Amino acid sequence: MCNPECSCPAAVRAEHGCPAAGHLTWKNQGSGGRLPIMLGMRGGAVWSCTLNKAALLCATGSADFSARLWDACSGNQLHEWQHNHIVRSTAFASDSSKLATGGMEKFVRLFDVGKPEAAPETLPVQGSGIRCLTWVQNDSILLCSLADHKGIQAFDMRTKQIVSKRLVLRSVSTHASLSTSMASFDGNHLTSAEGKVVRFFDISGNSGSIQQVKEHRLPRANAESATYCPSKRVFAAGGEDIYDTGAELDCNKGHHGPVHAVRFAPTYEMYASGSEDGTIRVWPMAGPAVENGK
């Protein structure tokens, strides 16, 4: 979450898109106070915000039909890419050379971060708006989930073609489209949120093979976002209201609106949550100790 080479004072590198406000503000992990790092948007809800692996660059997608590149330390805008509709998802490749964007235009654009003025590559048009984009398997595969369709599409980035429609979920009964898909920091696990179901996949192969390992069903509310900690075999999920559900290890209250995004820090010692109340909060990993990986 924090980049040790950055000169910003104890900044939290949390990622969150807030549909209720046209700006983003980092929060201090110790005091919870606002830091003087704000990404100023001219207008339109921010639907996506992501950091590159080094936490030096930030990309946003918003309702003003733009994707933007930012200096994550200073908050200065580096570039703006105009689109023809709302941008719902942004995703850096692991080496930060490419930025994938998608949204209501129903196709994915691939921008060269080193040459932002260059025309983007595009992937085949889909049957619905793009909801989530996730790079996996050393950036050889780009996973794409759609707003109004079940399943996940996997693009082979070596050929720029679809590997298999609904590759991940083709043998799994699904009841809703995915709201979140996220790869773990070690690149071996994929976590997805789909209505009341959180799924965990093995993505450690190099040939596009993605296998479901387990799923967890929330008894009451939908999960908008979920993130997994492989070393402790626990996950965090956020949604409209998921207090007191399942085998709960910890419950943190403080947001004043639905939680749309949760992410573990690379060290897995804390996790961040982003809410419709326009704030990002960082929580320590507390609760009962996890014994024997259970």
Protein backbone atom coordinates (compact mmCIF):
# COMPACT_ATOMS: atom_id res chain seq x y z
CA MET A 1 0.00 0.00 0.00
CA CYS A 2 2.86 2.39 0.82
CA ASN A 3 5.77 2.95 -1.51
CA PRO A 4 8.99 3.27 0.52
CA GLU A 5 10.65 5.38 -2.18
CA CYS A 6 7.91 8.00 -2.17
CA SER A 7 8.53 11.24 -0.31
CA CYS A 8 4.89 11.68 0.68
CA PRO A 9 4.36 11.63 4.49
CA ALA A 10 3.15 8.15 5.49
CA ALA A 11 0.64 8.12 2.65
CA VAL A 12 -1.75 5.25 2.23
CA ARG A 13 -1.87 3.92 -1.31
CA ALA A 14 -5.45 2.72 -1.28
CA GLU A 15 -7.47 2.19 -4.45
CA HIS A 16 -11.10 3.17 -4.63
CA GLY A 17 -13.63 4.62 -7.02
CA CYS A 18 -16.38 6.67 -5.45
CA PRO A 19 -19.56 7.12 -7.53
CA ALA A 20 -20.88 9.73 -5.11
CA ALA A 21 -18.07 12.26 -5.48
CA GLY A 22 -15.88 13.69 -8.22
CA HIS A 23 -12.62 13.47 -6.30
CA LEU A 24 -10.40 11.09 -4.36
CA THR A 25 -8.49 11.76 -1.14
CA TRP A 26 -5.98 9.47 0.60
CA LYS A 27 -6.38 8.89 4.33
CA ASN A 28 -3.68 8.45 6.96
CA GLN A 29 -3.54 4.88 8.26
CA GLY A 30 -2.63 6.01 11.78
CA SER A 31 -4.91 8.94 12.55
CA GLY A 32 -7.49 8.43 9.84
CA GLY A 33 -7.09 12.10 8.90
CA ARG A 34 -7.06 13.32 5.34
CA LEU A 35 -3.72 13.64 3.60
CA PRO A 36 -2.91 16.56 1.29
CA ILE A 37 -2.96 14.29 -1.77
CA MET A 38 -6.13 14.83 -3.76
CA LEU A 39 -6.83 13.88 -7.34
CA GLY A 40 -8.91 16.78 -8.61
CA MET A 41 -11.61 15.80 -11.12
CA ARG A 42 -13.38 18.42 -13.16
CA GLY A 43 -16.69 16.62 -12.99
CA GLY A 44 -18.35 13.22 -13.04
CA ALA A 45 -18.36 10.32 -10.63
CA VAL A 46 -15.13 8.32 -10.25
CA TRP A 47 -15.97 4.70 -11.02
CA SER A 48 -12.48 3.21 -10.98
CA CYS A 49 -9.15 3.97 -9.36
CA THR A 50 -6.08 1.73 -9.46
CA LEU A 51 -2.38 1.95 -8.64
CA ASN A 52 0.54 0.42 -10.48
CA LYS A 53 2.70 -2.16 -8.69
CA ALA A 54 5.20 0.44 -7.43
CA ALA A 55 2.37 2.72 -6.20
CA LEU A 56 3.89 5.64 -8.12
CA LEU A 57 1.18 5.93 -10.78
CA CYS A 58 -2.59 6.06 -10.40
CA ALA A 59 -5.25 5.62 -13.07
CA THR A 60 -8.89 6.64 -12.80
CA GLY A 61 -11.99 6.05 -14.89
CA SER A 62 -15.02 8.27 -14.53
CA ALA A 63 -18.45 9.30 -15.72
CA ASP A 64 -17.05 12.28 -17.62
CA PHE A 65 -16.01 9.80 -20.37
CA SER A 66 -12.32 9.92 -19.48
CA ALA A 67 -9.49 7.80 -18.12
CA ARG A 68 -6.65 9.70 -16.48
CA LEU A 69 -3.08 9.01 -15.43
CA TRP A 70 -1.79 10.59 -12.20
CA ASP A 71 1.38 10.96 -10.19
CA ALA A 72 0.32 9.10 -7.03
CA CYS A 73 2.73 11.04 -4.80
CA SER A 74 1.94 14.60 -5.87
CA GLY A 75 -1.58 14.15 -7.19
CA ASN A 76 -0.63 15.87 -10.47
CA GLN A 77 -2.42 14.72 -13.61
CA LEU A 78 -0.02 13.31 -16.19
CA HIS A 79 -2.39 12.50 -19.04
CA GLU A 80 -6.06 12.26 -19.98
CA TRP A 81 -7.56 9.80 -22.47
CA GLN A 82 -10.98 10.68 -23.82
CA HIS A 83 -13.56 7.93 -24.36
CA ASN A 84 -17.03 7.94 -25.87
CA HIS A 85 -18.86 6.71 -22.78
CA ILE A 86 -18.47 6.08 -19.03
CA VAL A 87 -15.21 4.33 -18.03
CA ARG A 88 -15.96 1.69 -15.38
CA SER A 89 -12.65 -0.16 -15.05
CA THR A 90 -8.92 0.60 -15.27
CA ALA A 91 -6.06 -1.90 -14.78
CA PHE A 92 -2.27 -1.58 -15.03
CA ALA A 93 -0.22 -4.47 -16.39
CA SER A 94 2.20 -5.76 -13.75
CA ASP A 95 5.16 -4.05 -15.45
CA SER A 96 3.14 -0.80 -15.80
CA SER A 97 3.77 -0.70 -19.54
CA LYS A 98 0.07 -0.97 -20.43
CA LEU A 99 -3.18 0.39 -19.04
CA ALA A 100 -6.42 -1.39 -19.89
CA THR A 101 -9.69 0.55 -19.74
CA GLY A 102 -13.27 -0.52 -20.27
CA GLY A 103 -16.79 0.65 -19.67
CA MET A 104 -20.08 1.33 -21.37
CA GLU A 105 -18.47 1.39 -24.84
CA LYS A 106 -18.46 -2.44 -24.56
CA PHE A 107 -14.83 -2.92 -25.57
CA VAL A 108 -11.37 -2.74 -23.99
CA ARG A 109 -8.71 -0.18 -24.90
CA LEU A 110 -5.00 -0.83 -24.26
CA PHE A 111 -2.88 2.31 -23.77
CA ASP A 112 0.92 2.49 -23.85
CA VAL A 113 1.80 4.22 -20.57
CA GLY A 114 5.25 5.17 -21.87
CA LYS A 115 3.72 6.73 -25.01
CA PRO A 116 0.38 8.13 -23.80
CA GLU A 117 -0.21 10.11 -27.00
CA ALA A 118 -0.18 6.94 -29.14
CA ALA A 119 -3.47 5.50 -30.37
CA PRO A 120 -4.63 2.58 -28.18
CA GLU A 121 -5.05 -1.02 -29.23
CA THR A 122 -8.61 -2.33 -28.93
CA LEU A 123 -10.05 -5.77 -28.14
CA PRO A 124 -13.22 -7.26 -29.69
CA VAL A 125 -16.55 -5.61 -28.87
CA GLN A 126 -18.53 -7.41 -26.13
CA GLY A 127 -22.25 -7.92 -25.61
CA SER A 128 -22.43 -5.63 -22.58
CA GLY A 129 -20.54 -2.88 -20.79
CA ILE A 130 -17.20 -3.79 -19.19
CA ARG A 131 -17.35 -4.10 -15.38
CA CYS A 132 -13.98 -5.54 -14.26
CA LEU A 133 -10.53 -5.98 -15.83
CA THR A 134 -7.75 -8.07 -14.27
CA TRP A 135 -4.29 -8.96 -15.64
CA VAL A 136 -3.10 -12.47 -14.70
CA GLN A 137 -0.38 -15.00 -15.54
CA ASN A 138 2.46 -12.54 -16.17
CA ASP A 139 0.17 -10.28 -18.22
CA SER A 140 -0.41 -13.00 -20.82
CA ILE A 141 -4.13 -13.14 -19.95
CA LEU A 142 -6.56 -10.26 -19.39
CA LEU A 143 -9.76 -11.25 -17.61
CA CYS A 144 -12.88 -9.25 -18.41
CA SER A 145 -16.30 -9.42 -16.74
CA LEU A 146 -19.39 -7.71 -18.11
CA ALA A 147 -22.03 -5.61 -16.40
CA ASP A 148 -25.07 -7.52 -17.65
CA HIS A 149 -23.67 -10.98 -18.41
CA LYS A 150 -22.63 -13.89 -16.22
CA GLY A 151 -19.14 -15.32 -16.39
CA ILE A 152 -15.68 -14.04 -17.29
CA GLN A 153 -14.02 -13.67 -20.67
CA ALA A 154 -10.30 -14.38 -20.93
CA PHE A 155 -8.26 -12.59 -23.59
CA ASP A 156 -4.96 -14.09 -24.74
CA MET A 157 -2.83 -10.95 -24.88
CA ARG A 158 -0.31 -12.64 -27.13
CA THR A 159 -2.93 -12.93 -29.87
CA LYS A 160 -5.47 -10.33 -28.62
CA GLN A 161 -8.23 -12.90 -29.08
CA ILE A 162 -10.74 -14.45 -26.69
CA VAL A 163 -9.35 -17.67 -25.22
CA SER A 164 -12.79 -18.98 -24.32
CA LYS A 165 -16.04 -17.23 -23.51
CA ARG A 166 -16.89 -17.69 -19.84
CA LEU A 167 -13.61 -19.59 -19.45
CA VAL A 168 -13.52 -19.34 -15.67
CA LEU A 169 -17.17 -19.96 -14.98
CA ARG A 170 -18.11 -22.29 -17.81
CA SER A 171 -18.54 -25.27 -15.45
CA VAL A 172 -19.92 -23.28 -12.52
CA SER A 173 -23.57 -22.36 -12.05
CA THR A 174 -23.82 -18.57 -11.63
CA HIS A 175 -26.73 -16.34 -10.75
CA ALA A 176 -25.32 -12.84 -11.28
CA SER A 177 -22.63 -10.91 -13.10
CA LEU A 178 -19.40 -10.20 -11.24
CA SER A 179 -18.98 -6.93 -9.38
CA THR A 180 -15.28 -7.51 -8.61
CA SER A 181 -12.40 -9.69 -9.71
CA MET A 182 -8.96 -9.33 -8.15
CA ALA A 183 -5.65 -11.19 -8.46
CA SER A 184 -3.55 -11.75 -5.34
CA PHE A 185 -0.15 -10.05 -5.08
CA ASP A 186 1.68 -13.35 -5.68
CA GLY A 187 -0.30 -13.87 -8.89
CA ASN A 188 -1.55 -17.32 -7.89
CA HIS A 189 -5.12 -16.58 -6.79
CA LEU A 190 -8.15 -14.81 -8.20
CA THR A 191 -11.02 -13.63 -5.99
CA SER A 192 -14.40 -12.64 -7.39
CA ALA A 193 -17.61 -11.26 -5.91
CA GLU A 194 -20.86 -12.29 -7.57
CA GLY A 195 -24.01 -11.39 -5.68
CA LYS A 196 -23.99 -13.35 -2.43
CA VAL A 197 -21.13 -15.57 -3.61
CA VAL A 198 -17.38 -14.96 -3.20
CA ARG A 199 -15.26 -17.33 -5.32
CA PHE A 200 -11.58 -18.29 -5.18
CA PHE A 201 -9.66 -19.54 -8.23
CA ASP A 202 -6.22 -21.03 -8.85
CA ILE A 203 -4.54 -18.98 -11.62
CA SER A 204 -0.97 -20.21 -11.04
CA GLY A 205 -0.70 -21.87 -14.47
CA ASN A 206 0.71 -20.23 -17.59
CA SER A 207 -1.61 -21.58 -20.28
CA GLY A 208 -4.83 -19.80 -19.44
CA SER A 209 -5.92 -22.55 -17.04
CA ILE A 210 -8.11 -21.11 -14.25
CA GLN A 211 -9.70 -23.49 -11.77
CA GLN A 212 -12.21 -22.73 -9.04
CA VAL A 213 -10.92 -23.85 -5.64
CA LYS A 214 -13.69 -22.80 -3.30
CA GLU A 215 -16.70 -20.55 -2.88
CA HIS A 216 -18.25 -18.84 0.12
CA ARG A 217 -21.93 -17.92 0.21
CA LEU A 218 -22.96 -14.92 2.26
CA PRO A 219 -26.24 -15.66 4.03
CA ARG A 220 -27.72 -12.18 3.84
CA ALA A 221 -26.31 -9.34 1.73
CA ASN A 222 -24.53 -9.03 -1.61
CA ALA A 223 -20.76 -8.52 -1.69
CA GLU A 224 -19.67 -5.60 -3.87
CA SER A 225 -15.98 -6.39 -3.43
CA ALA A 226 -13.75 -9.08 -1.91
CA THR A 227 -10.02 -9.53 -1.33
CA TYR A 228 -8.07 -12.64 -0.26
CA CYS A 229 -5.03 -13.16 2.02
CA PRO A 230 -3.36 -16.45 0.89
CA SER A 231 -0.90 -16.70 3.79
CA LYS A 232 -3.66 -16.65 6.42
CA ARG A 233 -6.41 -18.10 4.21
CA VAL A 234 -8.88 -15.38 5.13
CA PHE A 235 -10.75 -12.87 2.99
CA ALA A 236 -12.41 -9.51 3.52
CA ALA A 237 -15.64 -8.53 1.79
CA GLY A 238 -17.67 -5.35 1.63
CA GLY A 239 -21.16 -4.52 0.42
CA GLU A 240 -24.38 -2.82 1.38
CA ASP A 241 -24.53 -4.48 4.80
CA ILE A 242 -22.68 -7.69 5.59
CA TYR A 243 -22.25 -7.26 9.34
CA ASP A 244 -22.71 -10.42 11.42
CA THR A 245 -22.66 -12.86 8.49
CA GLY A 246 -20.81 -16.12 7.98
CA ALA A 247 -17.82 -17.23 10.07
CA GLU A 248 -16.77 -13.70 10.86
CA LEU A 249 -13.25 -13.09 12.16
CA ASP A 250 -13.53 -9.34 12.54
CA CYS A 251 -16.04 -6.56 11.89
CA ASN A 252 -15.05 -2.92 11.39
CA LYS A 253 -17.73 -0.25 11.41
CA GLY A 254 -17.29 3.40 10.57
CA HIS A 255 -18.40 4.05 7.01
CA HIS A 256 -21.61 5.99 6.44
CA GLY A 257 -22.61 4.30 3.20
CA PRO A 258 -22.22 1.06 1.20
CA VAL A 259 -18.66 -0.30 0.88
CA HIS A 260 -17.79 -0.78 -2.79
CA ALA A 261 -14.11 -1.79 -2.59
CA VAL A 262 -11.81 -3.66 -0.19
CA ARG A 263 -8.13 -4.47 -0.76
CA PHE A 264 -5.41 -6.09 1.35
CA ALA A 265 -2.02 -4.38 1.63
CA PRO A 266 0.87 -6.35 0.06
CA THR A 267 2.04 -7.29 3.56
CA TYR A 268 -1.48 -8.48 4.48
CA GLU A 269 -1.13 -6.68 7.83
CA MET A 270 -4.00 -4.33 7.02
CA TYR A 271 -6.67 -3.73 4.43
CA ALA A 272 -8.39 -0.69 2.96
CA SER A 273 -12.09 -0.12 2.36
CA GLY A 274 -13.67 2.46 0.08
CA SER A 275 -17.24 3.60 0.57
CA GLU A 276 -19.97 5.58 -1.10
CA ASP A 277 -19.49 8.09 1.73
CA GLY A 278 -16.44 9.36 -0.19
CA THR A 279 -13.79 8.06 2.24
CA ILE A 280 -11.08 5.39 2.30
CA ARG A 281 -10.40 3.74 5.64
CA VAL A 282 -7.48 1.46 6.50
CA TRP A 283 -8.01 -1.31 9.07
CA PRO A 284 -5.41 -3.45 10.89
CA MET A 285 -5.71 -7.21 10.67
CA ALA A 286 -7.24 -7.91 14.07
CA GLY A 287 -9.59 -10.55 15.40
CA PRO A 288 -8.80 -14.13 16.47
CA ALA A 289 -5.58 -15.69 15.23
CA VAL A 290 -5.89 -18.09 12.31
CA GLU A 291 -4.53 -21.50 13.28
CA ASN A 292 -3.30 -24.17 10.87
CA GLY A 293 -4.61 -22.23 7.91
CA LYS A 294 -8.24 -22.63 8.99
